[in-house]
Amino acid sequence: MIELNNVSKIYDRGARALKNVSLRIEDGEFVFIMGRSGAGKSTLLRLLMKETEPSEGTLRVNDVDLNSLPARKVPQYRRTLGVVFQDFRLLRHLNVYENVAFAQRVIGKSSSEIRENVPEVLRMVGLSAKYKAKIQELSGGEQQRVAIARALVNRPKILLADEPTGNLDFKTAADIMELLEEINRKGTTVVVITHSSEIVERMHRRVVVLNKGSITSDQS
């Protein structure tokens, strides 16, 4: 579960990115966070990832109080999250399999666990046949699927997707959203940050709208 209570974020020089935001996302939900550039979406994501601290208010994610979480426990907390970015952030000197396996090596998984887990998640995202492919050989949609596989391989409770279709054509974007829906049906909480009204209207899911740092709409 994700729970924000009266969260505000004020940056240097008094710029207020979030204003008294209260939001509750239950386990297993699929939620869109919408808003124009500067609405506060990126700040919200950074707060959830514990990359920045709230100026006011409290945050709890997966029963973890982020306000009091010590720095030494932040890496452990982040392992409960999967994060997908608009620009994929793949390691271009590694192939598909190696990119996904890297996420497992970082947390100390054994070679036998990696050999079991990586093919499983590549099957889930439809890339089994391309496990040896170089990143630059893949289409944009395929690269995003690799990024999703990497985010899922450690079995996170929550998947945060930051503009996951921003660099994709509509058909490819729709395919990625179908994949995220499938992931959600298997029990993962999915939070998608987007400005694409076309995708949101097609999905018929809960939509939280941010405007100038405040929630102006929350509709299921």
N, C-alpha and C. Protein backbone atom coordinates (compact mmCIF):
# COMPACT_ATOMS: atom_id res chain seq x y z
N MET A 1 0.84 -1.20 0.00
CA MET A 1 0.00 0.00 0.00
C MET A 1 0.87 1.25 0.00
N ILE A 2 0.38 2.27 -0.67
CA ILE A 2 1.04 3.58 -0.69
C ILE A 2 0.11 4.57 0.01
N GLU A 3 0.65 5.31 0.96
CA GLU A 3 -0.18 6.27 1.68
C GLU A 3 0.59 7.55 1.94
N LEU A 4 0.06 8.65 1.41
CA LEU A 4 0.61 9.99 1.65
C LEU A 4 -0.42 10.79 2.43
N ASN A 5 0.03 11.45 3.50
CA ASN A 5 -0.85 12.28 4.31
C ASN A 5 -0.32 13.70 4.36
N ASN A 6 -1.05 14.62 3.71
CA ASN A 6 -0.72 16.05 3.74
C ASN A 6 0.75 16.31 3.39
N VAL A 7 1.20 15.69 2.30
CA VAL A 7 2.60 15.81 1.89
C VAL A 7 2.82 17.06 1.06
N SER A 8 3.80 17.83 1.45
CA SER A 8 4.25 18.99 0.67
C SER A 8 5.75 18.87 0.43
N LYS A 9 6.17 19.44 -0.68
CA LYS A 9 7.60 19.48 -0.99
C LYS A 9 7.95 20.87 -1.48
N ILE A 10 8.85 21.52 -0.74
CA ILE A 10 9.30 22.86 -1.10
C ILE A 10 10.79 22.79 -1.40
N TYR A 11 11.16 23.15 -2.62
CA TYR A 11 12.57 23.14 -3.02
C TYR A 11 13.25 24.46 -2.64
N ASP A 12 14.52 24.54 -2.94
CA ASP A 12 15.27 25.76 -2.67
C ASP A 12 14.59 26.95 -3.34
N ARG A 13 14.76 28.12 -2.74
CA ARG A 13 14.17 29.36 -3.24
C ARG A 13 12.65 29.37 -3.15
N GLY A 14 12.09 28.43 -2.38
CA GLY A 14 10.67 28.46 -2.09
C GLY A 14 9.75 27.86 -3.12
N ALA A 15 10.31 27.19 -4.13
CA ALA A 15 9.46 26.56 -5.15
C ALA A 15 8.71 25.38 -4.54
N ARG A 16 7.39 25.45 -4.56
CA ARG A 16 6.56 24.40 -3.94
C ARG A 16 6.10 23.43 -5.02
N ALA A 17 6.63 22.20 -4.98
CA ALA A 17 6.32 21.20 -6.00
C ALA A 17 5.06 20.42 -5.66
N LEU A 18 4.82 20.16 -4.37
CA LEU A 18 3.62 19.47 -3.93
C LEU A 18 3.00 20.24 -2.77
N LYS A 19 1.66 20.25 -2.73
CA LYS A 19 0.97 21.04 -1.71
C LYS A 19 -0.09 20.17 -1.03
N ASN A 20 0.21 19.76 0.19
CA ASN A 20 -0.78 19.05 1.01
C ASN A 20 -1.45 17.89 0.28
N VAL A 21 -0.63 17.03 -0.30
CA VAL A 21 -1.15 15.89 -1.07
C VAL A 21 -1.45 14.72 -0.14
N SER A 22 -2.68 14.24 -0.18
CA SER A 22 -3.08 13.03 0.53
C SER A 22 -3.58 12.02 -0.50
N LEU A 23 -3.02 10.83 -0.45
CA LEU A 23 -3.32 9.82 -1.48
C LEU A 23 -3.13 8.44 -0.88
N ARG A 24 -4.05 7.54 -1.19
CA ARG A 24 -3.95 6.16 -0.72
C ARG A 24 -4.15 5.23 -1.91
N ILE A 25 -3.19 4.36 -2.15
CA ILE A 25 -3.25 3.37 -3.22
C ILE A 25 -3.16 2.00 -2.58
N GLU A 26 -4.19 1.20 -2.75
CA GLU A 26 -4.26 -0.11 -2.11
C GLU A 26 -3.40 -1.14 -2.85
N ASP A 27 -3.04 -2.19 -2.14
CA ASP A 27 -2.31 -3.29 -2.76
C ASP A 27 -3.12 -3.84 -3.93
N GLY A 28 -2.44 -4.05 -5.06
CA GLY A 28 -3.09 -4.63 -6.23
C GLY A 28 -3.82 -3.66 -7.12
N GLU A 29 -3.79 -2.37 -6.81
CA GLU A 29 -4.45 -1.38 -7.66
C GLU A 29 -3.61 -1.06 -8.90
N PHE A 30 -4.27 -0.52 -9.90
CA PHE A 30 -3.63 0.04 -11.09
C PHE A 30 -4.08 1.50 -11.16
N VAL A 31 -3.14 2.42 -11.02
CA VAL A 31 -3.48 3.84 -10.92
C VAL A 31 -2.63 4.66 -11.87
N PHE A 32 -3.28 5.60 -12.57
CA PHE A 32 -2.56 6.58 -13.36
C PHE A 32 -2.41 7.86 -12.54
N ILE A 33 -1.21 8.46 -12.60
CA ILE A 33 -0.97 9.80 -12.06
C ILE A 33 -0.75 10.71 -13.27
N MET A 34 -1.67 11.65 -13.46
CA MET A 34 -1.61 12.52 -14.64
C MET A 34 -1.32 13.95 -14.24
N GLY A 35 -0.85 14.72 -15.20
CA GLY A 35 -0.61 16.13 -14.98
C GLY A 35 0.35 16.67 -16.02
N ARG A 36 0.27 17.96 -16.25
CA ARG A 36 1.17 18.60 -17.19
C ARG A 36 2.58 18.69 -16.60
N SER A 37 3.53 19.10 -17.44
CA SER A 37 4.89 19.33 -16.95
C SER A 37 4.86 20.36 -15.83
N GLY A 38 5.53 20.04 -14.73
CA GLY A 38 5.54 20.94 -13.59
C GLY A 38 4.42 20.72 -12.60
N ALA A 39 3.58 19.70 -12.84
CA ALA A 39 2.44 19.45 -11.96
C ALA A 39 2.84 18.83 -10.63
N GLY A 40 4.03 18.20 -10.60
CA GLY A 40 4.49 17.56 -9.38
C GLY A 40 4.66 16.05 -9.50
N LYS A 41 4.44 15.51 -10.70
CA LYS A 41 4.52 14.06 -10.90
C LYS A 41 5.91 13.52 -10.59
N SER A 42 6.95 14.17 -11.11
CA SER A 42 8.32 13.69 -10.89
C SER A 42 8.71 13.78 -9.43
N THR A 43 8.26 14.83 -8.76
CA THR A 43 8.55 14.97 -7.33
C THR A 43 7.89 13.83 -6.55
N LEU A 44 6.67 13.50 -6.90
CA LEU A 44 5.98 12.39 -6.25
C LEU A 44 6.75 11.10 -6.42
N LEU A 45 7.22 10.85 -7.63
CA LEU A 45 8.00 9.64 -7.89
C LEU A 45 9.28 9.63 -7.05
N ARG A 46 9.97 10.74 -6.98
CA ARG A 46 11.21 10.81 -6.21
C ARG A 46 10.96 10.59 -4.72
N LEU A 47 9.84 11.06 -4.24
CA LEU A 47 9.48 10.82 -2.84
C LEU A 47 9.24 9.34 -2.59
N LEU A 48 8.52 8.69 -3.50
CA LEU A 48 8.23 7.26 -3.34
C LEU A 48 9.49 6.43 -3.42
N MET A 49 10.48 6.88 -4.19
CA MET A 49 11.74 6.16 -4.32
C MET A 49 12.74 6.53 -3.21
N LYS A 50 12.33 7.44 -2.34
CA LYS A 50 13.19 7.91 -1.25
C LYS A 50 14.45 8.59 -1.81
N GLU A 51 14.26 9.32 -2.91
CA GLU A 51 15.36 10.10 -3.48
C GLU A 51 15.37 11.52 -2.94
N THR A 52 14.25 11.92 -2.36
CA THR A 52 14.14 13.23 -1.73
C THR A 52 13.20 13.09 -0.55
N GLU A 53 13.18 14.10 0.31
CA GLU A 53 12.38 14.04 1.53
C GLU A 53 11.23 15.05 1.46
N PRO A 54 10.08 14.74 2.07
CA PRO A 54 9.00 15.72 2.10
C PRO A 54 9.34 16.87 3.04
N SER A 55 8.85 18.03 2.70
CA SER A 55 9.01 19.18 3.60
C SER A 55 8.00 19.11 4.73
N GLU A 56 6.84 18.55 4.43
CA GLU A 56 5.78 18.38 5.41
C GLU A 56 5.04 17.09 5.09
N GLY A 57 4.37 16.51 6.09
CA GLY A 57 3.53 15.34 5.86
C GLY A 57 4.28 14.03 6.02
N THR A 58 3.54 12.94 5.87
CA THR A 58 4.09 11.60 6.08
C THR A 58 3.83 10.70 4.88
N LEU A 59 4.74 9.74 4.66
CA LEU A 59 4.62 8.75 3.60
C LEU A 59 4.85 7.36 4.18
N ARG A 60 4.00 6.42 3.78
CA ARG A 60 4.20 5.01 4.09
C ARG A 60 4.04 4.21 2.80
N VAL A 61 4.99 3.31 2.56
CA VAL A 61 4.95 2.45 1.38
C VAL A 61 5.30 1.03 1.83
N ASN A 62 4.44 0.09 1.50
CA ASN A 62 4.67 -1.30 1.90
C ASN A 62 4.93 -1.41 3.41
N ASP A 63 4.14 -0.67 4.19
CA ASP A 63 4.24 -0.66 5.66
C ASP A 63 5.57 -0.10 6.17
N VAL A 64 6.27 0.63 5.32
CA VAL A 64 7.53 1.28 5.72
C VAL A 64 7.27 2.77 5.88
N ASP A 65 7.62 3.32 7.04
CA ASP A 65 7.51 4.75 7.28
C ASP A 65 8.73 5.43 6.65
N LEU A 66 8.52 6.08 5.49
CA LEU A 66 9.66 6.66 4.78
C LEU A 66 10.24 7.86 5.51
N ASN A 67 9.45 8.53 6.32
CA ASN A 67 9.96 9.69 7.04
C ASN A 67 11.08 9.31 8.01
N SER A 68 10.97 8.14 8.62
CA SER A 68 11.94 7.73 9.63
C SER A 68 12.89 6.63 9.15
N LEU A 69 12.80 6.29 7.86
CA LEU A 69 13.66 5.21 7.35
C LEU A 69 15.11 5.67 7.29
N PRO A 70 16.03 4.99 7.98
CA PRO A 70 17.44 5.41 7.96
C PRO A 70 18.07 5.13 6.60
N ALA A 71 19.09 5.90 6.26
CA ALA A 71 19.74 5.80 4.95
C ALA A 71 20.26 4.39 4.67
N ARG A 72 20.73 3.71 5.70
CA ARG A 72 21.31 2.38 5.49
C ARG A 72 20.25 1.35 5.05
N LYS A 73 18.97 1.66 5.29
CA LYS A 73 17.91 0.73 4.92
C LYS A 73 17.22 1.10 3.60
N VAL A 74 17.62 2.20 3.00
CA VAL A 74 16.99 2.64 1.76
C VAL A 74 17.19 1.63 0.63
N PRO A 75 18.40 1.07 0.41
CA PRO A 75 18.55 0.07 -0.65
C PRO A 75 17.62 -1.13 -0.48
N GLN A 76 17.47 -1.58 0.75
CA GLN A 76 16.57 -2.71 1.01
C GLN A 76 15.12 -2.33 0.69
N TYR A 77 14.72 -1.12 1.05
CA TYR A 77 13.37 -0.66 0.74
C TYR A 77 13.15 -0.60 -0.78
N ARG A 78 14.13 -0.08 -1.50
CA ARG A 78 13.97 0.08 -2.96
C ARG A 78 13.83 -1.25 -3.68
N ARG A 79 14.28 -2.33 -3.05
CA ARG A 79 14.11 -3.65 -3.67
C ARG A 79 12.66 -4.08 -3.70
N THR A 80 11.80 -3.43 -2.92
CA THR A 80 10.38 -3.76 -2.96
C THR A 80 9.67 -3.01 -4.09
N LEU A 81 10.42 -2.16 -4.80
CA LEU A 81 9.88 -1.39 -5.91
C LEU A 81 10.51 -1.83 -7.22
N GLY A 82 9.73 -1.78 -8.28
CA GLY A 82 10.29 -1.87 -9.62
C GLY A 82 10.03 -0.54 -10.29
N VAL A 83 11.00 -0.01 -11.02
CA VAL A 83 10.84 1.30 -11.63
C VAL A 83 11.18 1.22 -13.12
N VAL A 84 10.30 1.78 -13.95
CA VAL A 84 10.49 1.82 -15.40
C VAL A 84 10.47 3.28 -15.83
N PHE A 85 11.45 3.65 -16.67
CA PHE A 85 11.59 5.05 -17.08
C PHE A 85 11.29 5.21 -18.57
N GLN A 86 10.98 6.44 -18.95
CA GLN A 86 10.69 6.75 -20.35
C GLN A 86 11.88 6.45 -21.26
N ASP A 87 13.09 6.73 -20.77
CA ASP A 87 14.28 6.55 -21.61
C ASP A 87 14.95 5.19 -21.41
N PHE A 88 14.24 4.26 -20.80
CA PHE A 88 14.63 2.85 -20.65
C PHE A 88 15.78 2.63 -19.67
N ARG A 89 16.85 3.43 -19.80
CA ARG A 89 18.04 3.35 -18.93
C ARG A 89 18.66 1.94 -18.92
N LEU A 90 18.75 1.36 -20.09
CA LEU A 90 19.38 0.05 -20.22
C LEU A 90 20.88 0.20 -20.40
N LEU A 91 21.60 -0.85 -20.07
CA LEU A 91 23.06 -0.87 -20.21
C LEU A 91 23.38 -1.36 -21.62
N ARG A 92 23.81 -0.46 -22.48
CA ARG A 92 23.91 -0.76 -23.90
C ARG A 92 25.07 -1.70 -24.24
N HIS A 93 26.01 -1.86 -23.32
CA HIS A 93 27.11 -2.79 -23.60
C HIS A 93 26.75 -4.23 -23.20
N LEU A 94 25.56 -4.42 -22.63
CA LEU A 94 25.08 -5.74 -22.25
C LEU A 94 23.92 -6.16 -23.14
N ASN A 95 23.75 -7.47 -23.34
CA ASN A 95 22.62 -7.93 -24.13
C ASN A 95 21.36 -8.00 -23.26
N VAL A 96 20.27 -8.48 -23.85
CA VAL A 96 18.98 -8.50 -23.16
C VAL A 96 19.06 -9.29 -21.86
N TYR A 97 19.56 -10.52 -21.95
CA TYR A 97 19.67 -11.38 -20.76
C TYR A 97 20.53 -10.72 -19.69
N GLU A 98 21.66 -10.18 -20.11
CA GLU A 98 22.60 -9.59 -19.15
C GLU A 98 22.02 -8.36 -18.46
N ASN A 99 21.22 -7.57 -19.18
CA ASN A 99 20.59 -6.40 -18.57
C ASN A 99 19.66 -6.81 -17.44
N VAL A 100 18.87 -7.84 -17.67
CA VAL A 100 17.93 -8.30 -16.64
C VAL A 100 18.69 -8.97 -15.49
N ALA A 101 19.68 -9.77 -15.85
CA ALA A 101 20.47 -10.46 -14.82
C ALA A 101 21.21 -9.48 -13.92
N PHE A 102 21.59 -8.34 -14.47
CA PHE A 102 22.32 -7.34 -13.69
C PHE A 102 21.53 -6.93 -12.44
N ALA A 103 20.22 -6.79 -12.59
CA ALA A 103 19.38 -6.40 -11.45
C ALA A 103 19.42 -7.45 -10.36
N GLN A 104 19.61 -8.70 -10.73
CA GLN A 104 19.70 -9.78 -9.74
C GLN A 104 21.08 -9.82 -9.09
N ARG A 105 22.11 -9.57 -9.88
CA ARG A 105 23.47 -9.60 -9.32
C ARG A 105 23.66 -8.50 -8.29
N VAL A 106 23.05 -7.34 -8.53
CA VAL A 106 23.19 -6.21 -7.62
C VAL A 106 22.72 -6.56 -6.22
N ILE A 107 21.69 -7.40 -6.12
CA ILE A 107 21.17 -7.74 -4.79
C ILE A 107 21.71 -9.09 -4.29
N GLY A 108 22.70 -9.63 -5.00
CA GLY A 108 23.40 -10.81 -4.49
C GLY A 108 22.77 -12.15 -4.79
N LYS A 109 21.93 -12.23 -5.82
CA LYS A 109 21.35 -13.52 -6.18
C LYS A 109 22.42 -14.45 -6.74
N SER A 110 22.27 -15.74 -6.49
CA SER A 110 23.24 -16.73 -6.97
C SER A 110 23.07 -16.96 -8.46
N SER A 111 24.10 -17.55 -9.07
CA SER A 111 24.04 -17.83 -10.52
C SER A 111 22.89 -18.76 -10.85
N SER A 112 22.62 -19.73 -9.98
CA SER A 112 21.53 -20.66 -10.24
C SER A 112 20.17 -19.96 -10.17
N GLU A 113 20.02 -19.03 -9.24
CA GLU A 113 18.77 -18.26 -9.14
C GLU A 113 18.59 -17.39 -10.38
N ILE A 114 19.68 -16.78 -10.83
CA ILE A 114 19.61 -15.92 -12.01
C ILE A 114 19.22 -16.74 -13.24
N ARG A 115 19.80 -17.92 -13.38
CA ARG A 115 19.48 -18.78 -14.53
C ARG A 115 18.01 -19.21 -14.53
N GLU A 116 17.42 -19.27 -13.37
CA GLU A 116 16.00 -19.63 -13.27
C GLU A 116 15.09 -18.41 -13.46
N ASN A 117 15.45 -17.30 -12.84
CA ASN A 117 14.55 -16.15 -12.80
C ASN A 117 14.52 -15.34 -14.08
N VAL A 118 15.69 -15.15 -14.71
CA VAL A 118 15.74 -14.29 -15.90
C VAL A 118 14.94 -14.87 -17.07
N PRO A 119 15.11 -16.14 -17.43
CA PRO A 119 14.28 -16.67 -18.53
C PRO A 119 12.79 -16.59 -18.23
N GLU A 120 12.43 -16.77 -16.97
CA GLU A 120 11.01 -16.71 -16.59
C GLU A 120 10.42 -15.33 -16.87
N VAL A 121 11.14 -14.28 -16.48
CA VAL A 121 10.59 -12.93 -16.66
C VAL A 121 10.67 -12.51 -18.13
N LEU A 122 11.66 -13.00 -18.87
CA LEU A 122 11.72 -12.71 -20.30
C LEU A 122 10.56 -13.36 -21.04
N ARG A 123 10.15 -14.55 -20.61
CA ARG A 123 8.95 -15.17 -21.19
C ARG A 123 7.72 -14.30 -20.92
N MET A 124 7.65 -13.76 -19.72
CA MET A 124 6.50 -12.94 -19.34
C MET A 124 6.34 -11.73 -20.24
N VAL A 125 7.46 -11.12 -20.63
CA VAL A 125 7.39 -9.91 -21.47
C VAL A 125 7.55 -10.21 -22.96
N GLY A 126 7.58 -11.49 -23.32
CA GLY A 126 7.60 -11.87 -24.72
C GLY A 126 8.92 -11.70 -25.43
N LEU A 127 10.03 -11.85 -24.69
CA LEU A 127 11.36 -11.65 -25.30
C LEU A 127 12.27 -12.86 -25.19
N SER A 128 11.70 -14.03 -24.98
CA SER A 128 12.52 -15.23 -24.83
C SER A 128 13.45 -15.45 -26.03
N ALA A 129 12.93 -15.18 -27.22
CA ALA A 129 13.71 -15.46 -28.43
C ALA A 129 14.82 -14.44 -28.65
N LYS A 130 14.81 -13.34 -27.92
CA LYS A 130 15.80 -12.29 -28.14
C LYS A 130 16.73 -12.10 -26.95
N TYR A 131 16.90 -13.13 -26.17
CA TYR A 131 17.70 -12.98 -24.94
C TYR A 131 19.15 -12.65 -25.22
N LYS A 132 19.65 -13.00 -26.41
CA LYS A 132 21.04 -12.71 -26.76
C LYS A 132 21.20 -11.41 -27.54
N ALA A 133 20.10 -10.77 -27.87
CA ALA A 133 20.16 -9.58 -28.73
C ALA A 133 20.82 -8.40 -28.02
N LYS A 134 21.54 -7.60 -28.78
CA LYS A 134 22.10 -6.36 -28.25
C LYS A 134 20.99 -5.32 -28.16
N ILE A 135 21.10 -4.42 -27.21
CA ILE A 135 20.06 -3.42 -26.99
C ILE A 135 19.81 -2.58 -28.23
N GLN A 136 20.89 -2.21 -28.93
CA GLN A 136 20.74 -1.35 -30.11
C GLN A 136 20.07 -2.07 -31.28
N GLU A 137 19.89 -3.39 -31.19
CA GLU A 137 19.20 -4.15 -32.23
C GLU A 137 17.69 -4.20 -32.01
N LEU A 138 17.23 -3.70 -30.88
CA LEU A 138 15.83 -3.80 -30.51
C LEU A 138 15.04 -2.54 -30.89
N SER A 139 13.75 -2.72 -31.12
CA SER A 139 12.86 -1.58 -31.32
C SER A 139 12.63 -0.88 -29.98
N GLY A 140 12.02 0.30 -30.05
CA GLY A 140 11.72 1.01 -28.81
C GLY A 140 10.82 0.21 -27.89
N GLY A 141 9.80 -0.44 -28.46
CA GLY A 141 8.90 -1.24 -27.65
C GLY A 141 9.61 -2.41 -27.00
N GLU A 142 10.50 -3.04 -27.75
CA GLU A 142 11.26 -4.17 -27.18
C GLU A 142 12.20 -3.70 -26.08
N GLN A 143 12.81 -2.53 -26.26
CA GLN A 143 13.67 -2.00 -25.21
C GLN A 143 12.87 -1.72 -23.93
N GLN A 144 11.65 -1.21 -24.09
CA GLN A 144 10.83 -0.96 -22.91
C GLN A 144 10.44 -2.27 -22.24
N ARG A 145 10.24 -3.32 -23.02
CA ARG A 145 9.93 -4.63 -22.43
C ARG A 145 11.13 -5.16 -21.64
N VAL A 146 12.33 -4.91 -22.13
CA VAL A 146 13.53 -5.30 -21.36
C VAL A 146 13.56 -4.53 -20.04
N ALA A 147 13.26 -3.23 -20.12
CA ALA A 147 13.25 -2.42 -18.91
C ALA A 147 12.21 -2.92 -17.91
N ILE A 148 11.05 -3.33 -18.42
CA ILE A 148 10.01 -3.87 -17.54
C ILE A 148 10.46 -5.20 -16.94
N ALA A 149 11.09 -6.04 -17.75
CA ALA A 149 11.60 -7.32 -17.23
C ALA A 149 12.61 -7.08 -16.12
N ARG A 150 13.50 -6.13 -16.33
CA ARG A 150 14.50 -5.80 -15.31
C ARG A 150 13.83 -5.31 -14.03
N ALA A 151 12.77 -4.53 -14.18
CA ALA A 151 12.06 -4.02 -13.01
C ALA A 151 11.32 -5.11 -12.27
N LEU A 152 10.91 -6.16 -12.98
CA LEU A 152 10.09 -7.22 -12.38
C LEU A 152 10.89 -8.39 -11.83
N VAL A 153 12.12 -8.55 -12.26
CA VAL A 153 12.84 -9.79 -11.98
C VAL A 153 13.05 -10.03 -10.48
N ASN A 154 13.08 -8.97 -9.70
CA ASN A 154 13.24 -9.13 -8.25
C ASN A 154 11.90 -9.18 -7.52
N ARG A 155 10.84 -9.40 -8.29
CA ARG A 155 9.48 -9.59 -7.76
C ARG A 155 9.05 -8.46 -6.81
N PRO A 156 9.02 -7.23 -7.32
CA PRO A 156 8.61 -6.11 -6.47
C PRO A 156 7.13 -6.15 -6.16
N LYS A 157 6.76 -5.55 -5.04
CA LYS A 157 5.34 -5.45 -4.70
C LYS A 157 4.67 -4.33 -5.49
N ILE A 158 5.47 -3.32 -5.84
CA ILE A 158 4.95 -2.15 -6.54
C ILE A 158 5.80 -1.87 -7.77
N LEU A 159 5.14 -1.61 -8.91
CA LEU A 159 5.84 -1.19 -10.13
C LEU A 159 5.49 0.26 -10.40
N LEU A 160 6.51 1.12 -10.43
CA LEU A 160 6.34 2.53 -10.76
C LEU A 160 6.82 2.74 -12.19
N ALA A 161 5.95 3.24 -13.04
CA ALA A 161 6.31 3.45 -14.45
C ALA A 161 6.21 4.93 -14.77
N ASP A 162 7.34 5.55 -15.06
CA ASP A 162 7.41 6.99 -15.31
C ASP A 162 7.38 7.24 -16.82
N GLU A 163 6.25 7.68 -17.33
CA GLU A 163 6.06 7.93 -18.77
C GLU A 163 6.56 6.74 -19.60
N PRO A 164 6.08 5.52 -19.32
CA PRO A 164 6.64 4.33 -19.99
C PRO A 164 6.37 4.26 -21.48
N THR A 165 5.41 5.07 -21.97
CA THR A 165 5.09 5.04 -23.40
C THR A 165 5.46 6.35 -24.09
N GLY A 166 6.19 7.21 -23.40
CA GLY A 166 6.46 8.54 -23.91
C GLY A 166 7.23 8.58 -25.22
N ASN A 167 8.09 7.59 -25.46
CA ASN A 167 8.90 7.58 -26.68
C ASN A 167 8.40 6.56 -27.71
N LEU A 168 7.16 6.09 -27.55
CA LEU A 168 6.66 5.00 -28.39
C LEU A 168 5.47 5.45 -29.23
N ASP A 169 5.29 4.82 -30.39
CA ASP A 169 4.10 5.09 -31.19
C ASP A 169 2.87 4.49 -30.50
N PHE A 170 1.68 4.87 -30.96
CA PHE A 170 0.46 4.51 -30.24
C PHE A 170 0.28 3.00 -30.14
N LYS A 171 0.50 2.27 -31.24
CA LYS A 171 0.31 0.82 -31.23
C LYS A 171 1.27 0.16 -30.23
N THR A 172 2.53 0.55 -30.26
CA THR A 172 3.51 -0.02 -29.34
C THR A 172 3.17 0.36 -27.90
N ALA A 173 2.74 1.61 -27.72
CA ALA A 173 2.34 2.06 -26.38
C ALA A 173 1.18 1.23 -25.85
N ALA A 174 0.22 0.92 -26.71
CA ALA A 174 -0.92 0.11 -26.29
C ALA A 174 -0.47 -1.29 -25.88
N ASP A 175 0.49 -1.84 -26.61
CA ASP A 175 1.03 -3.16 -26.26
C ASP A 175 1.71 -3.13 -24.89
N ILE A 176 2.45 -2.08 -24.62
CA ILE A 176 3.12 -1.95 -23.32
C ILE A 176 2.09 -1.84 -22.21
N MET A 177 1.03 -1.09 -22.43
CA MET A 177 0.00 -0.95 -21.41
C MET A 177 -0.72 -2.28 -21.16
N GLU A 178 -0.93 -3.06 -22.21
CA GLU A 178 -1.52 -4.39 -22.03
C GLU A 178 -0.62 -5.26 -21.17
N LEU A 179 0.69 -5.14 -21.37
CA LEU A 179 1.64 -5.89 -20.56
C LEU A 179 1.56 -5.46 -19.10
N LEU A 180 1.47 -4.15 -18.87
CA LEU A 180 1.36 -3.66 -17.50
C LEU A 180 0.06 -4.14 -16.84
N GLU A 181 -1.01 -4.23 -17.62
CA GLU A 181 -2.27 -4.76 -17.09
C GLU A 181 -2.12 -6.22 -16.69
N GLU A 182 -1.42 -6.99 -17.52
CA GLU A 182 -1.19 -8.40 -17.20
C GLU A 182 -0.39 -8.54 -15.91
N ILE A 183 0.63 -7.70 -15.77
CA ILE A 183 1.45 -7.71 -14.55
C ILE A 183 0.58 -7.38 -13.34
N ASN A 184 -0.32 -6.42 -13.49
CA ASN A 184 -1.23 -6.04 -12.42
C ASN A 184 -2.17 -7.18 -12.06
N ARG A 185 -2.66 -7.90 -13.06
CA ARG A 185 -3.58 -9.01 -12.79
C ARG A 185 -2.91 -10.10 -11.97
N LYS A 186 -1.60 -10.19 -12.05
CA LYS A 186 -0.87 -11.19 -11.27
C LYS A 186 -0.57 -10.73 -9.85
N GLY A 187 -1.05 -9.53 -9.49
CA GLY A 187 -0.97 -9.09 -8.11
C GLY A 187 -0.07 -7.92 -7.81
N THR A 188 0.70 -7.45 -8.79
CA THR A 188 1.60 -6.31 -8.55
C THR A 188 0.83 -5.00 -8.62
N THR A 189 1.04 -4.14 -7.64
CA THR A 189 0.48 -2.79 -7.70
C THR A 189 1.20 -2.01 -8.78
N VAL A 190 0.46 -1.36 -9.67
CA VAL A 190 1.07 -0.63 -10.78
C VAL A 190 0.64 0.83 -10.71
N VAL A 191 1.64 1.73 -10.71
CA VAL A 191 1.39 3.16 -10.72
C VAL A 191 2.08 3.73 -11.96
N VAL A 192 1.29 4.30 -12.86
CA VAL A 192 1.82 4.82 -14.12
C VAL A 192 1.71 6.34 -14.11
N ILE A 193 2.84 7.01 -14.25
CA ILE A 193 2.88 8.46 -14.35
C ILE A 193 2.90 8.82 -15.83
N THR A 194 1.95 9.62 -16.27
CA THR A 194 1.83 9.89 -17.70
C THR A 194 1.14 11.24 -17.94
N HIS A 195 1.30 11.76 -19.14
CA HIS A 195 0.53 12.92 -19.57
C HIS A 195 -0.35 12.54 -20.77
N SER A 196 -0.36 11.24 -21.14
CA SER A 196 -1.07 10.79 -22.34
C SER A 196 -2.54 10.52 -22.04
N SER A 197 -3.41 11.44 -22.40
CA SER A 197 -4.84 11.25 -22.17
C SER A 197 -5.39 10.12 -23.04
N GLU A 198 -4.80 9.90 -24.22
CA GLU A 198 -5.28 8.83 -25.10
C GLU A 198 -5.13 7.47 -24.42
N ILE A 199 -3.97 7.22 -23.82
CA ILE A 199 -3.74 5.95 -23.14
C ILE A 199 -4.68 5.82 -21.95
N VAL A 200 -4.81 6.87 -21.17
CA VAL A 200 -5.63 6.83 -19.96
C VAL A 200 -7.10 6.56 -20.30
N GLU A 201 -7.62 7.24 -21.31
CA GLU A 201 -9.02 7.06 -21.69
C GLU A 201 -9.29 5.64 -22.18
N ARG A 202 -8.32 5.04 -22.79
CA ARG A 202 -8.48 3.68 -23.32
C ARG A 202 -8.50 2.63 -22.21
N MET A 203 -7.84 2.92 -21.09
CA MET A 203 -7.61 1.90 -20.07
C MET A 203 -8.74 1.77 -19.04
N HIS A 204 -9.49 2.83 -18.80
CA HIS A 204 -10.59 2.79 -17.83
C HIS A 204 -10.11 2.34 -16.45
N ARG A 205 -9.12 3.02 -15.95
CA ARG A 205 -8.56 2.75 -14.62
C ARG A 205 -8.67 4.00 -13.75
N ARG A 206 -8.31 3.85 -12.48
CA ARG A 206 -8.31 5.00 -11.58
C ARG A 206 -7.30 6.04 -12.07
N VAL A 207 -7.72 7.31 -12.07
CA VAL A 207 -6.87 8.39 -12.54
C VAL A 207 -6.80 9.48 -11.48
N VAL A 208 -5.58 9.79 -11.04
CA VAL A 208 -5.33 10.87 -10.10
C VAL A 208 -4.67 12.00 -10.88
N VAL A 209 -5.26 13.19 -10.85
CA VAL A 209 -4.75 14.32 -11.61
C VAL A 209 -4.08 15.31 -10.68
N LEU A 210 -2.83 15.66 -11.00
CA LEU A 210 -2.09 16.69 -10.28
C LEU A 210 -2.07 17.97 -11.11
N ASN A 211 -2.22 19.09 -10.44
CA ASN A 211 -2.12 20.39 -11.11
C ASN A 211 -1.45 21.36 -10.15
N LYS A 212 -0.30 21.86 -10.54
CA LYS A 212 0.46 22.79 -9.73
C LYS A 212 0.67 22.29 -8.30
N GLY A 213 0.95 20.98 -8.20
CA GLY A 213 1.31 20.40 -6.92
C GLY A 213 0.17 19.90 -6.07
N SER A 214 -1.07 20.06 -6.53
CA SER A 214 -2.23 19.62 -5.76
C SER A 214 -3.04 18.59 -6.55
N ILE A 215 -3.70 17.69 -5.83
CA ILE A 215 -4.60 16.74 -6.49
C ILE A 215 -5.90 17.47 -6.78
N THR A 216 -6.26 17.53 -8.06
CA THR A 216 -7.49 18.21 -8.46
C THR A 216 -8.59 17.24 -8.84
N SER A 217 -8.23 15.96 -9.02
CA SER A 217 -9.24 14.97 -9.37
C SER A 217 -8.71 13.59 -9.02
N ASP A 218 -9.60 12.70 -8.57
CA ASP A 218 -9.26 11.32 -8.26
C ASP A 218 -10.49 10.48 -8.60
N GLN A 219 -10.46 9.85 -9.78
CA GLN A 219 -11.63 9.12 -10.27
C GLN A 219 -11.28 7.69 -10.65
N SER A 220 -12.14 6.78 -10.24
CA SER A 220 -11.97 5.37 -10.59
C SER A 220 -12.72 5.04 -11.89
